[in-house]
């Protein structure tokens, strides 16, 4: 149930992540294509957290991908 909050049917979190990619384009000239990314939300039970991230399918190979860690 907790995973569903981050992978909702209205795509709220997915749109948030794509907005982050758009901000990287505007501010850093990243050259990313936000619509090409899928949204992934995973429950990491051992560590008791939810991971959510934009995921670039293999069909988009050659596109720059940034990894952000807090």
N, C-alpha and C. Protein backbone atom coordinates (compact mmCIF):
# COMPACT_ATOMS: atom_id res chain seq x y z
N UNK A 1 0.82 -1.20 0.00
CA UNK A 1 0.00 0.00 0.00
C UNK A 1 0.87 1.26 0.00
N UNK A 2 1.97 1.23 0.71
CA UNK A 2 2.83 2.41 0.77
C UNK A 2 3.42 2.73 -0.61
N UNK A 3 3.79 1.69 -1.36
CA UNK A 3 4.34 1.92 -2.70
C UNK A 3 3.32 2.64 -3.58
N UNK A 4 2.05 2.32 -3.44
CA UNK A 4 1.00 2.96 -4.25
C UNK A 4 0.95 4.47 -4.02
N UNK A 5 1.34 4.93 -2.86
CA UNK A 5 1.35 6.37 -2.60
C UNK A 5 2.39 7.09 -3.46
N UNK A 6 3.42 6.39 -3.87
CA UNK A 6 4.49 6.99 -4.68
C UNK A 6 4.39 6.58 -6.15
N UNK A 7 3.47 5.70 -6.45
CA UNK A 7 3.25 5.26 -7.82
C UNK A 7 1.75 5.30 -8.08
N UNK A 8 1.17 6.50 -7.88
CA UNK A 8 -0.28 6.67 -7.92
C UNK A 8 -0.83 6.67 -9.35
N UNK A 9 -2.08 6.34 -9.46
CA UNK A 9 -2.74 6.28 -10.76
C UNK A 9 -2.86 7.62 -11.46
N UNK A 10 -2.79 8.71 -10.71
CA UNK A 10 -2.87 10.05 -11.30
C UNK A 10 -1.50 10.54 -11.80
N UNK A 11 -0.47 9.74 -11.58
CA UNK A 11 0.90 10.07 -12.01
C UNK A 11 1.45 11.34 -11.38
N UNK A 12 1.00 11.68 -10.18
CA UNK A 12 1.46 12.88 -9.50
C UNK A 12 2.96 12.83 -9.25
N UNK A 13 3.46 11.73 -8.70
CA UNK A 13 4.88 11.61 -8.41
C UNK A 13 5.68 11.49 -9.69
N UNK A 14 5.16 10.80 -10.68
CA UNK A 14 5.85 10.68 -11.96
C UNK A 14 6.03 12.06 -12.60
N UNK A 15 5.01 12.89 -12.55
CA UNK A 15 5.10 14.24 -13.10
C UNK A 15 6.09 15.09 -12.31
N UNK A 16 6.14 14.90 -11.00
CA UNK A 16 7.13 15.61 -10.18
C UNK A 16 8.54 15.25 -10.64
N UNK A 17 8.81 13.95 -10.82
CA UNK A 17 10.14 13.53 -11.27
C UNK A 17 10.48 14.07 -12.65
N UNK A 18 9.51 14.09 -13.54
CA UNK A 18 9.76 14.62 -14.89
C UNK A 18 10.00 16.13 -14.83
N UNK A 19 9.37 16.80 -13.87
CA UNK A 19 9.61 18.23 -13.69
C UNK A 19 11.05 18.47 -13.23
N UNK A 20 11.57 17.57 -12.39
CA UNK A 20 12.98 17.68 -11.97
C UNK A 20 13.89 17.57 -13.20
N UNK A 21 13.59 16.65 -14.10
CA UNK A 21 14.38 16.51 -15.32
C UNK A 21 14.30 17.78 -16.17
N UNK A 22 13.12 18.35 -16.26
CA UNK A 22 12.94 19.61 -17.01
C UNK A 22 13.74 20.74 -16.37
N UNK A 23 13.78 20.78 -15.04
CA UNK A 23 14.57 21.80 -14.34
C UNK A 23 16.06 21.63 -14.63
N UNK A 24 16.53 20.38 -14.69
CA UNK A 24 17.93 20.13 -15.05
C UNK A 24 18.23 20.65 -16.46
N UNK A 25 17.26 20.47 -17.36
CA UNK A 25 17.43 21.00 -18.72
C UNK A 25 17.54 22.51 -18.71
N UNK A 26 16.63 23.17 -18.00
CA UNK A 26 16.61 24.64 -17.97
C UNK A 26 17.85 25.21 -17.31
N UNK A 27 18.20 24.66 -16.18
CA UNK A 27 19.27 25.26 -15.37
C UNK A 27 20.67 24.81 -15.75
N UNK A 28 20.79 23.59 -16.27
CA UNK A 28 22.12 23.05 -16.56
C UNK A 28 22.32 22.69 -18.02
N UNK A 29 21.27 22.85 -18.83
CA UNK A 29 21.38 22.48 -20.24
C UNK A 29 21.62 20.98 -20.40
N UNK A 30 20.96 20.17 -19.59
CA UNK A 30 21.22 18.73 -19.54
C UNK A 30 20.86 17.99 -20.83
N UNK A 31 19.92 18.51 -21.61
CA UNK A 31 19.55 17.85 -22.86
C UNK A 31 18.77 16.56 -22.66
N UNK A 32 18.06 16.45 -21.56
CA UNK A 32 17.26 15.25 -21.29
C UNK A 32 15.90 15.35 -21.97
N UNK A 33 15.28 14.22 -22.25
CA UNK A 33 13.96 14.17 -22.85
C UNK A 33 12.99 13.60 -21.81
N UNK A 34 12.41 14.44 -20.93
CA UNK A 34 11.57 13.93 -19.84
C UNK A 34 10.47 12.96 -20.27
N UNK A 35 9.76 13.15 -21.39
CA UNK A 35 8.72 12.19 -21.75
C UNK A 35 9.26 10.77 -22.04
N UNK A 36 10.56 10.64 -22.32
CA UNK A 36 11.14 9.33 -22.60
C UNK A 36 11.34 8.50 -21.33
N UNK A 37 11.27 9.14 -20.17
CA UNK A 37 11.52 8.46 -18.91
C UNK A 37 10.25 7.85 -18.34
N UNK A 38 10.40 6.67 -17.76
CA UNK A 38 9.33 6.03 -17.01
C UNK A 38 9.54 6.34 -15.53
N UNK A 39 8.49 6.23 -14.76
CA UNK A 39 8.57 6.43 -13.31
C UNK A 39 8.64 5.08 -12.62
N UNK A 40 9.57 4.95 -11.66
CA UNK A 40 9.72 3.71 -10.91
C UNK A 40 9.64 4.03 -9.43
N UNK A 41 8.81 3.31 -8.70
CA UNK A 41 8.73 3.42 -7.24
C UNK A 41 8.87 2.02 -6.67
N UNK A 42 9.86 1.84 -5.81
CA UNK A 42 10.15 0.54 -5.24
C UNK A 42 10.19 0.62 -3.72
N UNK A 43 9.62 -0.36 -3.07
CA UNK A 43 9.71 -0.43 -1.61
C UNK A 43 10.94 -1.25 -1.27
N UNK A 44 11.82 -0.68 -0.51
CA UNK A 44 13.04 -1.33 -0.05
C UNK A 44 12.79 -1.77 1.39
N UNK A 45 12.23 -2.97 1.55
CA UNK A 45 11.77 -3.44 2.86
C UNK A 45 12.90 -3.56 3.88
N UNK A 46 14.06 -4.05 3.46
CA UNK A 46 15.16 -4.23 4.40
C UNK A 46 15.62 -2.90 5.02
N UNK A 47 15.61 -1.85 4.20
CA UNK A 47 16.05 -0.54 4.67
C UNK A 47 14.90 0.36 5.11
N UNK A 48 13.68 -0.13 4.94
CA UNK A 48 12.47 0.58 5.34
C UNK A 48 12.33 1.95 4.67
N UNK A 49 12.48 1.96 3.33
CA UNK A 49 12.27 3.20 2.60
C UNK A 49 11.65 2.91 1.23
N UNK A 50 11.19 3.97 0.62
CA UNK A 50 10.67 3.91 -0.74
C UNK A 50 11.67 4.62 -1.64
N UNK A 51 12.05 3.98 -2.72
CA UNK A 51 12.88 4.62 -3.73
C UNK A 51 11.99 5.00 -4.90
N UNK A 52 12.12 6.22 -5.36
CA UNK A 52 11.39 6.63 -6.55
C UNK A 52 12.36 7.36 -7.45
N UNK A 53 12.25 7.06 -8.73
CA UNK A 53 13.21 7.67 -9.66
C UNK A 53 12.69 7.63 -11.08
N UNK A 54 13.17 8.55 -11.89
CA UNK A 54 12.91 8.42 -13.32
C UNK A 54 13.82 7.32 -13.87
N UNK A 55 13.29 6.52 -14.76
CA UNK A 55 14.03 5.40 -15.35
C UNK A 55 14.01 5.55 -16.86
N UNK A 56 15.17 5.46 -17.46
CA UNK A 56 15.27 5.58 -18.91
C UNK A 56 15.34 4.18 -19.51
N UNK A 57 14.32 3.77 -20.28
CA UNK A 57 14.33 2.45 -20.90
C UNK A 57 15.55 2.25 -21.80
N UNK A 58 15.96 1.02 -21.96
CA UNK A 58 17.15 0.68 -22.77
C UNK A 58 17.04 1.20 -24.20
N UNK A 59 15.82 1.36 -24.69
CA UNK A 59 15.63 1.85 -26.06
C UNK A 59 16.16 3.27 -26.24
N UNK A 60 16.39 3.98 -25.14
CA UNK A 60 16.88 5.35 -25.19
C UNK A 60 18.40 5.41 -24.96
N UNK A 61 19.11 4.34 -25.23
CA UNK A 61 20.56 4.28 -24.98
C UNK A 61 21.28 5.45 -25.63
N UNK A 62 22.29 5.92 -24.95
CA UNK A 62 23.07 7.04 -25.47
C UNK A 62 22.63 8.38 -24.92
N UNK A 63 21.53 8.41 -24.17
CA UNK A 63 21.04 9.64 -23.57
C UNK A 63 21.73 9.84 -22.23
N UNK A 64 22.12 11.07 -21.93
CA UNK A 64 22.76 11.36 -20.65
C UNK A 64 21.79 11.14 -19.52
N UNK A 65 22.26 10.53 -18.46
CA UNK A 65 21.44 10.29 -17.27
C UNK A 65 22.18 10.80 -16.07
N UNK A 66 21.50 11.56 -15.23
CA UNK A 66 22.08 12.08 -14.01
C UNK A 66 21.54 11.28 -12.85
N UNK A 67 22.40 10.95 -11.90
CA UNK A 67 21.98 10.27 -10.68
C UNK A 67 22.14 11.26 -9.54
N UNK A 68 21.05 11.47 -8.82
CA UNK A 68 21.08 12.41 -7.70
C UNK A 68 20.93 11.62 -6.41
N UNK A 69 21.78 11.87 -5.46
CA UNK A 69 21.71 11.21 -4.17
C UNK A 69 21.65 12.27 -3.09
N UNK A 70 20.87 11.98 -2.06
CA UNK A 70 20.79 12.94 -0.96
C UNK A 70 21.73 12.53 0.16
